[in-house]
Structures are given as C-alpha cells and as structure tokens.
Amino acid sequence: QDPTAYLMKGNSYHELSQHQKAIECFNKAIKLDAQDPTAYLIKGNSYSALRQYQKAIACYNTVLDLDPQNSQAYFNKGNALEDLNEYQRAIECYNQAIELDPQNPRTYFNKGNA
C-alpha cells in the first residue's frame, strides 16, 4: 500500500482542525513507511494544535533523526518548547533553523519572542 493517501487525508484533517483524525491517518502512513519524515512532521503539528507538546517534540525529534537538515522541524520544535516555557531550548532550535534556512523571517521573529 502507498502511504501517500494517508498523508493527504491526514493533512486535510489537520487543515480542518480535526487533529485526532489527522494523527490516526499519519500513524497509518508511518506503519507503511516509517522512514518518511513528512508524516512525523505534520503529526507533530497536530499534537501541537492539541497542546500535547511533549508528543509533538517527540515527532519533531524523529523528523530530525531521519532528516537532520529539516529546518521546519527545528522551527516547530522551537515553537513547542516555547509553549512549554523552555525558552533557552527553544532559542537553540531557532538557531538551528536559522542556520539551515536563514531566509525565513518567522524564525527570527519567534527567536526574538523567546
């Protein structure tokens, strides 16, 4: 089976703020292809939307294990850490995101707020 359909369905649920359904779809995609960082990234975003920041961070860590150059995972992890009031760790993530993608102004903005 192809995990793409589950990724697309999960992303649609995420965009509709139906995050639990999105997470279920991403879990199915991950069962089919545990090496694709996209499912973990958006699954983390759904967990963040549900304010389950530790679970989100675990997803972003998996993304970074699979793709250490993923600036979006560092950015999102920084956001989750900031929501947990772990400002120094958030800044470290934003710094990594800036190093990988210095053209993203949102990262500088979030770093300044942390």
PDB file of N, CA and C in Angstrom:
ATOM      1  N   GLN A   1       0.829  -1.193   0.000  1.00  0.00           N
ATOM      2  CA  GLN A   1       0.000   0.000   0.000  1.00  0.00           C
ATOM      3  C   GLN A   1       0.870   1.253   0.000  1.00  0.00           C
ATOM      4  N   ASP A   2       0.308   2.305  -0.524  1.00  0.00           N
ATOM      5  CA  ASP A   2       1.004   3.580  -0.632  1.00  0.00           C
ATOM      6  C   ASP A   2       0.588   4.496   0.513  1.00  0.00           C
ATOM      7  N   PRO A   3       1.559   5.001   1.290  1.00  0.00           N
ATOM      8  CA  PRO A   3       1.216   5.881   2.411  1.00  0.00           C
ATOM      9  C   PRO A   3       0.754   7.270   1.993  1.00  0.00           C
ATOM     10  N   THR A   4       0.916   7.615   0.713  1.00  0.00           N
ATOM     11  CA  THR A   4       0.588   8.966   0.253  1.00  0.00           C
ATOM     12  C   THR A   4      -0.877   9.320   0.513  1.00  0.00           C
ATOM     13  N   ALA A   5      -1.771   8.372   0.302  1.00  0.00           N
ATOM     14  CA  ALA A   5      -3.203   8.653   0.517  1.00  0.00           C
ATOM     15  C   ALA A   5      -3.458   9.002   1.979  1.00  0.00           C
ATOM     16  N   TYR A   6      -2.813   8.279   2.890  1.00  0.00           N
ATOM     17  CA  TYR A   6      -2.986   8.584   4.313  1.00  0.00           C
ATOM     18  C   TYR A   6      -2.378   9.935   4.672  1.00  0.00           C
ATOM     19  N   LEU A   7      -1.247  10.258   4.036  1.00  0.00           N
ATOM     20  CA  LEU A   7      -0.632  11.576   4.272  1.00  0.00           C
ATOM     21  C   LEU A   7      -1.562  12.692   3.818  1.00  0.00           C
ATOM     22  N   MET A   8      -2.128  12.542   2.633  1.00  0.00           N
ATOM     23  CA  MET A   8      -3.017  13.566   2.100  1.00  0.00           C
ATOM     24  C   MET A   8      -4.287  13.690   2.940  1.00  0.00           C
ATOM     25  N   LYS A   9      -4.847  12.555   3.329  1.00  0.00           N
ATOM     26  CA  LYS A   9      -6.053  12.563   4.153  1.00  0.00           C
ATOM     27  C   LYS A   9      -5.745  13.183   5.523  1.00  0.00           C
ATOM     28  N   GLY A  10      -4.608  12.798   6.112  1.00  0.00           N
ATOM     29  CA  GLY A  10      -4.211  13.357   7.400  1.00  0.00           C
ATOM     30  C   GLY A  10      -3.986  14.854   7.318  1.00  0.00           C
ATOM     31  N   ASN A  11      -3.352  15.299   6.246  1.00  0.00           N
ATOM     32  CA  ASN A  11      -3.120  16.727   6.071  1.00  0.00           C
ATOM     33  C   ASN A  11      -4.452  17.474   5.942  1.00  0.00           C
ATOM     34  N   SER A  12      -5.403  16.879   5.241  1.00  0.00           N
ATOM     35  CA  SER A  12      -6.735  17.510   5.108  1.00  0.00           C
ATOM     36  C   SER A  12      -7.409  17.619   6.472  1.00  0.00           C
ATOM     37  N   TYR A  13      -7.359  16.548   7.250  1.00  0.00           N
ATOM     38  CA  TYR A  13      -7.925  16.602   8.604  1.00  0.00           C
ATOM     39  C   TYR A  13      -7.216  17.660   9.446  1.00  0.00           C
ATOM     40  N   HIS A  14      -5.901  17.745   9.307  1.00  0.00           N
ATOM     41  CA  HIS A  14      -5.138  18.749  10.066  1.00  0.00           C
ATOM     42  C   HIS A  14      -5.615  20.155   9.700  1.00  0.00           C
ATOM     43  N   GLU A  15      -5.772  20.416   8.411  1.00  0.00           N
ATOM     44  CA  GLU A  15      -6.209  21.737   7.952  1.00  0.00           C
ATOM     45  C   GLU A  15      -7.634  22.054   8.418  1.00  0.00           C
ATOM     46  N   LEU A  16      -8.425  21.016   8.641  1.00  0.00           N
ATOM     47  CA  LEU A  16      -9.796  21.200   9.129  1.00  0.00           C
ATOM     48  C   LEU A  16      -9.861  21.219  10.662  1.00  0.00           C
ATOM     49  N   SER A  17      -8.699  21.211  11.306  1.00  0.00           N
ATOM     50  CA  SER A  17      -8.579  21.199  12.774  1.00  0.00           C
ATOM     51  C   SER A  17      -9.195  19.952  13.397  1.00  0.00           C
ATOM     52  N   GLN A  18      -9.220  18.880  12.647  1.00  0.00           N
ATOM     53  CA  GLN A  18      -9.645  17.582  13.173  1.00  0.00           C
ATOM     54  C   GLN A  18      -8.385  16.769  13.464  1.00  0.00           C
ATOM     55  N   HIS A  19      -7.691  17.215  14.488  1.00  0.00           N
ATOM     56  CA  HIS A  19      -6.320  16.750  14.712  1.00  0.00           C
ATOM     57  C   HIS A  19      -6.226  15.298  15.147  1.00  0.00           C
ATOM     58  N   GLN A  20      -7.174  14.807  15.910  1.00  0.00           N
ATOM     59  CA  GLN A  20      -7.107  13.407  16.324  1.00  0.00           C
ATOM     60  C   GLN A  20      -7.249  12.488  15.109  1.00  0.00           C
ATOM     61  N   LYS A  21      -8.168  12.830  14.203  1.00  0.00           N
ATOM     62  CA  LYS A  21      -8.326  12.047  12.973  1.00  0.00           C
ATOM     63  C   LYS A  21      -7.063  12.149  12.117  1.00  0.00           C
ATOM     64  N   ALA A  22      -6.451  13.338  12.100  1.00  0.00           N
ATOM     65  CA  ALA A  22      -5.208  13.516  11.349  1.00  0.00           C
ATOM     66  C   ALA A  22      -4.121  12.602  11.892  1.00  0.00           C
ATOM     67  N   ILE A  23      -3.987  12.566  13.203  1.00  0.00           N
ATOM     68  CA  ILE A  23      -2.959  11.736  13.831  1.00  0.00           C
ATOM     69  C   ILE A  23      -3.174  10.265  13.485  1.00  0.00           C
ATOM     70  N   GLU A  24      -4.417   9.817  13.483  1.00  0.00           N
ATOM     71  CA  GLU A  24      -4.707   8.430  13.113  1.00  0.00           C
ATOM     72  C   GLU A  24      -4.246   8.134  11.682  1.00  0.00           C
ATOM     73  N   CYS A  25      -4.464   9.071  10.768  1.00  0.00           N
ATOM     74  CA  CYS A  25      -4.017   8.891   9.386  1.00  0.00           C
ATOM     75  C   CYS A  25      -2.495   8.860   9.301  1.00  0.00           C
ATOM     76  N   PHE A  26      -1.844   9.758  10.034  1.00  0.00           N
ATOM     77  CA  PHE A  26      -0.388   9.775   9.997  1.00  0.00           C
ATOM     78  C   PHE A  26       0.191   8.488  10.579  1.00  0.00           C
ATOM     79  N   ASN A  27      -0.452   7.948  11.601  1.00  0.00           N
ATOM     80  CA  ASN A  27       0.014   6.671  12.160  1.00  0.00           C
ATOM     81  C   ASN A  27      -0.072   5.561  11.122  1.00  0.00           C
ATOM     82  N   LYS A  28      -1.131   5.564  10.317  1.00  0.00           N
ATOM     83  CA  LYS A  28      -1.263   4.564   9.255  1.00  0.00           C
ATOM     84  C   LYS A  28      -0.187   4.758   8.192  1.00  0.00           C
ATOM     85  N   ALA A  29       0.096   6.016   7.841  1.00  0.00           N
ATOM     86  CA  ALA A  29       1.156   6.294   6.866  1.00  0.00           C
ATOM     87  C   ALA A  29       2.505   5.835   7.395  1.00  0.00           C
ATOM     88  N   ILE A  30       2.750   6.069   8.673  1.00  0.00           N
ATOM     89  CA  ILE A  30       4.024   5.686   9.289  1.00  0.00           C
ATOM     90  C   ILE A  30       4.177   4.165   9.317  1.00  0.00           C
ATOM     91  N   LYS A  31       3.070   3.439   9.539  1.00  0.00           N
ATOM     92  CA  LYS A  31       3.141   1.972   9.511  1.00  0.00           C
ATOM     93  C   LYS A  31       3.585   1.472   8.146  1.00  0.00           C
ATOM     94  N   LEU A  32       3.187   2.207   7.100  1.00  0.00           N
ATOM     95  CA  LEU A  32       3.541   1.804   5.740  1.00  0.00           C
ATOM     96  C   LEU A  32       4.932   2.272   5.333  1.00  0.00           C
ATOM     97  N   ASP A  33       5.380   3.397   5.891  1.00  0.00           N
ATOM     98  CA  ASP A  33       6.709   3.932   5.559  1.00  0.00           C
ATOM     99  C   ASP A  33       7.225   4.736   6.749  1.00  0.00           C
ATOM    100  N   ALA A  34       7.944   4.065   7.618  1.00  0.00           N
ATOM    101  CA  ALA A  34       8.443   4.698   8.845  1.00  0.00           C
ATOM    102  C   ALA A  34       9.643   5.612   8.585  1.00  0.00           C
ATOM    103  N   GLN A  35      10.105   5.680   7.348  1.00  0.00           N
ATOM    104  CA  GLN A  35      11.270   6.496   7.026  1.00  0.00           C
ATOM    105  C   GLN A  35      10.924   7.842   6.397  1.00  0.00           C
ATOM    106  N   ASP A  36       9.640   8.115   6.233  1.00  0.00           N
ATOM    107  CA  ASP A  36       9.207   9.376   5.615  1.00  0.00           C
ATOM    108  C   ASP A  36       8.997  10.426   6.706  1.00  0.00           C
ATOM    109  N   PRO A  37       9.833  11.466   6.740  1.00  0.00           N
ATOM    110  CA  PRO A  37       9.709  12.460   7.804  1.00  0.00           C
ATOM    111  C   PRO A  37       8.436  13.310   7.729  1.00  0.00           C
ATOM    112  N   THR A  38       7.801  13.375   6.566  1.00  0.00           N
ATOM    113  CA  THR A  38       6.631  14.240   6.404  1.00  0.00           C
ATOM    114  C   THR A  38       5.505  13.862   7.363  1.00  0.00           C
ATOM    115  N   ALA A  39       5.238  12.576   7.491  1.00  0.00           N
ATOM    116  CA  ALA A  39       4.147  12.135   8.370  1.00  0.00           C
ATOM    117  C   ALA A  39       4.431  12.536   9.809  1.00  0.00           C
ATOM    118  N   TYR A  40       5.666  12.379  10.240  1.00  0.00           N
ATOM    119  CA  TYR A  40       6.032  12.754  11.612  1.00  0.00           C
ATOM    120  C   TYR A  40       5.928  14.264  11.818  1.00  0.00           C
ATOM    121  N   LEU A  41       6.319  15.026  10.799  1.00  0.00           N
ATOM    122  CA  LEU A  41       6.288  16.489  10.913  1.00  0.00           C
ATOM    123  C   LEU A  41       4.861  16.998  11.113  1.00  0.00           C
ATOM    124  N   ILE A  42       3.953  16.562  10.251  1.00  0.00           N
ATOM    125  CA  ILE A  42       2.587  17.069  10.347  1.00  0.00           C
ATOM    126  C   ILE A  42       1.870  16.446  11.542  1.00  0.00           C
ATOM    127  N   LYS A  43       2.224  15.215  11.891  1.00  0.00           N
ATOM    128  CA  LYS A  43       1.678  14.606  13.106  1.00  0.00           C
ATOM    129  C   LYS A  43       2.076  15.455  14.316  1.00  0.00           C
ATOM    130  N   GLY A  44       3.329  15.902  14.340  1.00  0.00           N
ATOM    131  CA  GLY A  44       3.780  16.791  15.408  1.00  0.00           C
ATOM    132  C   GLY A  44       2.988  18.083  15.439  1.00  0.00           C
ATOM    133  N   ASN A  45       2.685  18.620  14.263  1.00  0.00           N
ATOM    134  CA  ASN A  45       1.884  19.846  14.202  1.00  0.00           C
ATOM    135  C   ASN A  45       0.483  19.616  14.763  1.00  0.00           C
ATOM    136  N   SER A  46      -0.078  18.442  14.501  1.00  0.00           N
ATOM    137  CA  SER A  46      -1.402  18.131  15.053  1.00  0.00           C
ATOM    138  C   SER A  46      -1.332  18.010  16.565  1.00  0.00           C
ATOM    139  N   TYR A  47      -0.295  17.368  17.061  1.00  0.00           N
ATOM    140  CA  TYR A  47      -0.134  17.286  18.519  1.00  0.00           C
ATOM    141  C   TYR A  47       0.030  18.683  19.122  1.00  0.00           C
ATOM    142  N   SER A  48       0.783  19.543  18.458  1.00  0.00           N
ATOM    143  CA  SER A  48       0.939  20.913  18.968  1.00  0.00           C
ATOM    144  C   SER A  48      -0.404  21.634  19.008  1.00  0.00           C
ATOM    145  N   ALA A  49      -1.199  21.436  17.968  1.00  0.00           N
ATOM    146  CA  ALA A  49      -2.513  22.077  17.938  1.00  0.00           C
ATOM    147  C   ALA A  49      -3.400  21.582  19.077  1.00  0.00           C
ATOM    148  N   LEU A  50      -3.164  20.354  19.521  1.00  0.00           N
ATOM    149  CA  LEU A  50      -3.904  19.789  20.652  1.00  0.00           C
ATOM    150  C   LEU A  50      -3.238  20.121  21.991  1.00  0.00           C
ATOM    151  N   ARG A  51      -2.184  20.919  21.936  1.00  0.00           N
ATOM    152  CA  ARG A  51      -1.411  21.314  23.121  1.00  0.00           C
ATOM    153  C   ARG A  51      -0.737  20.128  23.805  1.00  0.00           C
ATOM    154  N   GLN A  52      -0.453  19.106  23.025  1.00  0.00           N
ATOM    155  CA  GLN A  52       0.282  17.940  23.528  1.00  0.00           C
ATOM    156  C   GLN A  52       1.735  18.090  23.071  1.00  0.00           C
ATOM    157  N   TYR A  53       2.403  19.044  23.703  1.00  0.00           N
ATOM    158  CA  TYR A  53       3.709  19.499  23.213  1.00  0.00           C
ATOM    159  C   TYR A  53       4.804  18.438  23.345  1.00  0.00           C
ATOM    160  N   GLN A  54       4.765  17.636  24.384  1.00  0.00           N
ATOM    161  CA  GLN A  54       5.797  16.593  24.521  1.00  0.00           C
ATOM    162  C   GLN A  54       5.696  15.576  23.380  1.00  0.00           C
ATOM    163  N   LYS A  55       4.482  15.209  23.021  1.00  0.00           N
ATOM    164  CA  LYS A  55       4.295  14.294  21.892  1.00  0.00           C
ATOM    165  C   LYS A  55       4.730  14.955  20.586  1.00  0.00           C
ATOM    166  N   ALA A  56       4.443  16.243  20.459  1.00  0.00           N
ATOM    167  CA  ALA A  56       4.874  16.974  19.261  1.00  0.00           C
ATOM    168  C   ALA A  56       6.395  16.973  19.164  1.00  0.00           C
ATOM    169  N   ILE A  57       7.059  17.253  20.274  1.00  0.00           N
ATOM    170  CA  ILE A  57       8.528  17.287  20.283  1.00  0.00           C
ATOM    171  C   ILE A  57       9.094  15.921  19.917  1.00  0.00           C
ATOM    172  N   ALA A  58       8.475  14.851  20.411  1.00  0.00           N
ATOM    173  CA  ALA A  58       8.931  13.509  20.048  1.00  0.00           C
ATOM    174  C   ALA A  58       8.829  13.294  18.539  1.00  0.00           C
ATOM    175  N   CYS A  59       7.756  13.788  17.930  1.00  0.00           N
ATOM    176  CA  CYS A  59       7.618  13.676  16.465  1.00  0.00           C
ATOM    177  C   CYS A  59       8.703  14.478  15.750  1.00  0.00           C
ATOM    178  N   TYR A  60       8.936  15.704  16.207  1.00  0.00           N
ATOM    179  CA  TYR A  60       9.956  16.530  15.563  1.00  0.00           C
ATOM    180  C   TYR A  60      11.346  15.916  15.730  1.00  0.00           C
ATOM    181  N   ASN A  61      11.597  15.286  16.875  1.00  0.00           N
ATOM    182  CA  ASN A  61      12.883  14.604  17.070  1.00  0.00           C
ATOM    183  C   ASN A  61      13.045  13.455  16.079  1.00  0.00           C
ATOM    184  N   THR A  62      11.958  12.751  15.808  1.00  0.00           N
ATOM    185  CA  THR A  62      12.018  11.672  14.818  1.00  0.00           C
ATOM    186  C   THR A  62      12.313  12.239  13.434  1.00  0.00           C
ATOM    187  N   VAL A  63      11.679  13.353  13.095  1.00  0.00           N
ATOM    188  CA  VAL A  63      11.970  14.005  11.813  1.00  0.00           C
ATOM    189  C   VAL A  63      13.468  14.308  11.723  1.00  0.00           C
ATOM    190  N   LEU A  64      14.018  14.858  12.790  1.00  0.00           N
ATOM    191  CA  LEU A  64      15.432  15.255  12.771  1.00  0.00           C
ATOM    192  C   LEU A  64      16.360  14.047  12.746  1.00  0.00           C
ATOM    193  N   ASP A  65      15.926  12.927  13.319  1.00  0.00           N
ATOM    194  CA  ASP A  65      16.708  11.691  13.194  1.00  0.00           C
ATOM    195  C   ASP A  65      16.748  11.234  11.740  1.00  0.00           C
ATOM    196  N   LEU A  66      15.616  11.371  11.056  1.00  0.00           N
ATOM    197  CA  LEU A  66      15.515  10.940   9.657  1.00  0.00           C
ATOM    198  C   LEU A  66      16.114  11.957   8.696  1.00  0.00           C
ATOM    199  N   ASP A  67      16.008  13.234   9.036  1.00  0.00           N
ATOM    200  CA  ASP A  67      16.438  14.321   8.147  1.00  0.00           C
ATOM    201  C   ASP A  67      17.025  15.454   8.984  1.00  0.00           C
ATOM    202  N   PRO A  68      18.300  15.349   9.360  1.00  0.00           N
ATOM    203  CA  PRO A  68      18.916  16.344  10.250  1.00  0.00           C
ATOM    204  C   PRO A  68      18.974  17.757   9.674  1.00  0.00           C
ATOM    205  N   GLN A  69      18.696  17.919   8.403  1.00  0.00           N
ATOM    206  CA  GLN A  69      18.731  19.229   7.765  1.00  0.00           C
ATOM    207  C   GLN A  69      17.343  19.852   7.641  1.00  0.00           C
ATOM    208  N   ASN A  70      16.367  19.320   8.334  1.00  0.00           N
ATOM    209  CA  ASN A  70      14.984  19.784   8.209  1.00  0.00           C
ATOM    210  C   ASN A  70      14.772  21.010   9.095  1.00  0.00           C
ATOM    211  N   SER A  71      14.862  22.175   8.490  1.00  0.00           N
ATOM    212  CA  SER A  71      14.737  23.423   9.250  1.00  0.00           C
ATOM    213  C   SER A  71      13.341  23.593   9.832  1.00  0.00           C
ATOM    214  N   GLN A  72      12.321  23.099   9.134  1.00  0.00           N
ATOM    215  CA  GLN A  72      10.948  23.225   9.633  1.00  0.00           C
ATOM    216  C   GLN A  72      10.770  22.449  10.935  1.00  0.00           C
ATOM    217  N   ALA A  73      11.413  21.292  11.048  1.00  0.00           N
ATOM    218  CA  ALA A  73      11.313  20.510  12.286  1.00  0.00           C
ATOM    219  C   ALA A  73      11.954  21.264  13.446  1.00  0.00           C
ATOM    220  N   TYR A  74      13.090  21.909  13.197  1.00  0.00           N
ATOM    221  CA  TYR A  74      13.711  22.711  14.253  1.00  0.00           C
ATOM    222  C   TYR A  74      12.809  23.888  14.645  1.00  0.00           C
ATOM    223  N   PHE A  75      12.236  24.532  13.646  1.00  0.00           N
ATOM    224  CA  PHE A  75      11.345  25.666  13.898  1.00  0.00           C
ATOM    225  C   PHE A  75      10.134  25.223  14.734  1.00  0.00           C
ATOM    226  N   ASN A  76       9.490  24.141  14.303  1.00  0.00           N
ATOM    227  CA  ASN A  76       8.302  23.664  15.009  1.00  0.00           C
ATOM    228  C   ASN A  76       8.644  23.176  16.410  1.00  0.00           C
ATOM    229  N   LYS A  77       9.786  22.516  16.541  1.00  0.00           N
ATOM    230  CA  LYS A  77      10.219  22.067  17.868  1.00  0.00           C
ATOM    231  C   LYS A  77      10.465  23.278  18.770  1.00  0.00           C
ATOM    232  N   GLY A  78      11.057  24.314  18.220  1.00  0.00           N
ATOM    233  CA  GLY A  78      11.259  25.543  18.985  1.00  0.00           C
ATOM    234  C   GLY A  78       9.946  26.125  19.459  1.00  0.00           C
ATOM    235  N   ASN A  79       8.943  26.107  18.587  1.00  0.00           N
ATOM    236  CA  ASN A  79       7.621  26.614  18.972  1.00  0.00           C
ATOM    237  C   ASN A  79       7.032  25.807  20.121  1.00  0.00           C
ATOM    238  N   ALA A  80       7.151  24.477  20.030  1.00  0.00           N
ATOM    239  CA  ALA A  80       6.603  23.619  21.090  1.00  0.00           C
ATOM    240  C   ALA A  80       7.339  23.852  22.408  1.00  0.00           C
ATOM    241  N   LEU A  81       8.659  23.987  22.329  1.00  0.00           N
ATOM    242  CA  LEU A  81       9.438  24.252  23.547  1.00  0.00           C
ATOM    243  C   LEU A  81       9.065  25.603  24.151  1.00  0.00           C
ATOM    244  N   GLU A  82       8.849  26.579  23.290  1.00  0.00           N
ATOM    245  CA  GLU A  82       8.434  27.901  23.775  1.00  0.00           C
ATOM    246  C   GLU A  82       7.086  27.807  24.486  1.00  0.00           C
ATOM    247  N   ASP A  83       6.170  27.012  23.933  1.00  0.00           N
ATOM    248  CA  ASP A  83       4.871  26.832  24.575  1.00  0.00           C
ATOM    249  C   ASP A  83       4.996  26.147  25.934  1.00  0.00           C
ATOM    250  N   LEU A  84       6.078  25.399  26.131  1.00  0.00           N
ATOM    251  CA  LEU A  84       6.349  24.762  27.426  1.00  0.00           C
ATOM    252  C   LEU A  84       7.202  25.646  28.335  1.00  0.00           C
ATOM    253  N   ASN A  85       7.424  26.888  27.901  1.00  0.00           N
ATOM    254  CA  ASN A  85       8.249  27.855  28.650  1.00  0.00           C
ATOM    255  C   ASN A  85       9.704  27.409  28.786  1.00  0.00           C
ATOM    256  N   GLU A  86      10.161  26.620  27.841  1.00  0.00           N
ATOM    257  CA  GLU A  86      11.561  26.187  27.809  1.00  0.00           C
ATOM    258  C   GLU A  86      12.285  27.068  26.786  1.00  0.00           C
ATOM    259  N   TYR A  87      12.467  28.308  27.180  1.00  0.00           N
ATOM    260  CA  TYR A  87      12.916  29.336  26.245  1.00  0.00           C
ATOM    261  C   TYR A  87      14.337  29.116  25.729  1.00  0.00           C
ATOM    262  N   GLN A  88      15.257  28.700  26.576  1.00  0.00           N
ATOM    263  CA  GLN A  88      16.631  28.506  26.123  1.00  0.00           C
ATOM    264  C   GLN A  88      16.710  27.388  25.085  1.00  0.00           C
ATOM    265  N   ARG A  89      16.010  26.298  25.345  1.00  0.00           N
ATOM    266  CA  ARG A  89      15.988  25.196  24.378  1.00  0.00           C
ATOM    267  C   ARG A  89      15.290  25.624  23.091  1.00  0.00           C
ATOM    268  N   ALA A  90      14.255  26.453  23.216  1.00  0.00           N
ATOM    269  CA  ALA A  90      13.566  26.958  22.027  1.00  0.00           C
ATOM    270  C   ALA A  90      14.519  27.793  21.180  1.00  0.00           C
ATOM    271  N   ILE A  91      15.273  28.665  21.835  1.00  0.00           N
ATOM    272  CA  ILE A  91      16.234  29.513  21.112  1.00  0.00           C
ATOM    273  C   ILE A  91      17.269  28.652  20.399  1.00  0.00           C
ATOM    274  N   GLU A  92      17.719  27.587  21.038  1.00  0.00           N
ATOM    275  CA  GLU A  92      18.692  26.686  20.392  1.00  0.00           C
ATOM    276  C   GLU A  92      18.093  26.082  19.121  1.00  0.00           C
ATOM    277  N   CYS A  93      16.831  25.707  19.170  1.00  0.00           N
ATOM    278  CA  CYS A  93      16.172  25.166  17.975  1.00  0.00           C
ATOM    279  C   CYS A  93      16.028  26.232  16.895  1.00  0.00           C
ATOM    280  N   TYR A  94      15.641  27.436  17.297  1.00  0.00           N
ATOM    281  CA  TYR A  94      15.530  28.519  16.319  1.00  0.00           C
ATOM    282  C   TYR A  94      16.885  28.813  15.684  1.00  0.00           C
ATOM    283  N   ASN A  95      17.950  28.760  16.468  1.00  0.00           N
ATOM    284  CA  ASN A  95      19.286  28.975  15.914  1.00  0.00           C
ATOM    285  C   ASN A  95      19.620  27.922  14.859  1.00  0.00           C
ATOM    286  N   GLN A  96      19.266  26.669  15.130  1.00  0.00           N
ATOM    287  CA  GLN A  96      19.493  25.602  14.144  1.00  0.00           C
ATOM    288  C   GLN A  96      18.661  25.856  12.886  1.00  0.00           C
ATOM    289  N   ALA A  97      17.422  26.269  13.073  1.00  0.00           N
ATOM    290  CA  ALA A  97      16.563  26.548  11.924  1.00  0.00           C
ATOM    291  C   ALA A  97      17.127  27.692  11.088  1.00  0.00           C
ATOM    292  N   ILE A  98      17.635  28.727  11.757  1.00  0.00           N
ATOM    293  CA  ILE A  98      18.227  29.876  11.050  1.00  0.00           C
ATOM    294  C   ILE A  98      19.469  29.451  10.277  1.00  0.00           C
ATOM    295  N   GLU A  99      20.273  28.599  10.887  1.00  0.00           N
ATOM    296  CA  GLU A  99      21.486  28.121  10.211  1.00  0.00           C
ATOM    297  C   GLU A  99      21.132  27.368   8.930  1.00  0.00           C
ATOM    298  N   LEU A 100      20.058  26.594   8.974  1.00  0.00           N
ATOM    299  CA  LEU A 100      19.660  25.799   7.816  1.00  0.00           C
ATOM    300  C   LEU A 100      18.853  26.593   6.800  1.00  0.00           C
ATOM    301  N   ASP A 101      18.104  27.592   7.277  1.00  0.00           N
ATOM    302  CA  ASP A 101      17.242  28.388   6.395  1.00  0.00           C
ATOM    303  C   ASP A 101      17.252  29.848   6.855  1.00  0.00           C
ATOM    304  N   PRO A 102      18.323  30.577   6.522  1.00  0.00           N
ATOM    305  CA  PRO A 102      18.447  31.954   7.011  1.00  0.00           C
ATOM    306  C   PRO A 102      17.464  32.936   6.371  1.00  0.00           C
ATOM    307  N   GLN A 103      16.689  32.500   5.390  1.00  0.00           N
ATOM    308  CA  GLN A 103      15.761  33.395   4.696  1.00  0.00           C
ATOM    309  C   GLN A 103      14.357  33.400   5.308  1.00  0.00           C
ATOM    310  N   ASN A 104      14.132  32.604   6.352  1.00  0.00           N
ATOM    311  CA  ASN A 104      12.795  32.511   6.935  1.00  0.00           C
ATOM    312  C   ASN A 104      12.637  33.559   8.038  1.00  0.00           C
ATOM    313  N   PRO A 105      11.907  34.643   7.782  1.00  0.00           N
ATOM    314  CA  PRO A 105      11.781  35.707   8.778  1.00  0.00           C
ATOM    315  C   PRO A 105      11.009  35.292  10.031  1.00  0.00           C
ATOM    316  N   ARG A 106      10.114  34.308   9.910  1.00  0.00           N
ATOM    317  CA  ARG A 106       9.339  33.861  11.077  1.00  0.00           C
ATOM    318  C   ARG A 106      10.239  33.299  12.174  1.00  0.00           C
ATOM    319  N   THR A 107      11.336  32.671  11.760  1.00  0.00           N
ATOM    320  CA  THR A 107      12.240  32.088  12.752  1.00  0.00           C
ATOM    321  C   THR A 107      12.895  33.180  13.578  1.00  0.00           C
ATOM    322  N   TYR A 108      13.322  34.243  12.935  1.00  0.00           N
ATOM    323  CA  TYR A 108      13.935  35.370  13.661  1.00  0.00           C
ATOM    324  C   TYR A 108      12.917  36.004  14.610  1.00  0.00           C
ATOM    325  N   PHE A 109      11.684  36.141  14.128  1.00  0.00           N
ATOM    326  CA  PHE A 109      10.628  36.739  14.934  1.00  0.00           C
ATOM    327  C   PHE A 109      10.377  35.880  16.190  1.00  0.00           C
ATOM    328  N   ASN A 110      10.228  34.573  15.993  1.00  0.00           N
ATOM    329  CA  ASN A 110       9.959  33.682  17.131  1.00  0.00           C
ATOM    330  C   ASN A 110      11.141  33.653  18.092  1.00  0.00           C
ATOM    331  N   LYS A 111      12.347  33.668  17.551  1.00  0.00           N
ATOM    332  CA  LYS A 111      13.525  33.685  18.404  1.00  0.00           C
ATOM    333  C   LYS A 111      13.532  34.944  19.269  1.00  0.00           C
ATOM    334  N   GLY A 112      13.176  36.069  18.664  1.00  0.00           N
ATOM    335  CA  GLY A 112      13.122  37.325  19.416  1.00  0.00           C
ATOM    336  C   GLY A 112      12.077  37.309  20.512  1.00  0.00           C
ATOM    337  N   ASN A 113      10.986  36.601  20.280  1.00  0.00           N
ATOM    338  CA  ASN A 113       9.932  36.496  21.296  1.00  0.00           C
ATOM    339  C   ASN A 113      10.285  35.536  22.414  1.00  0.00           C
ATOM    340  N   ALA A 114      11.158  34.574  22.110  1.00  0.00           N
ATOM    341  CA  ALA A 114      11.545  33.587  23.143  1.00  0.00           C
ATOM    342  C   ALA A 114      12.482  34.251  24.120  1.00  0.00           C
TER     343      ALA A 114
END
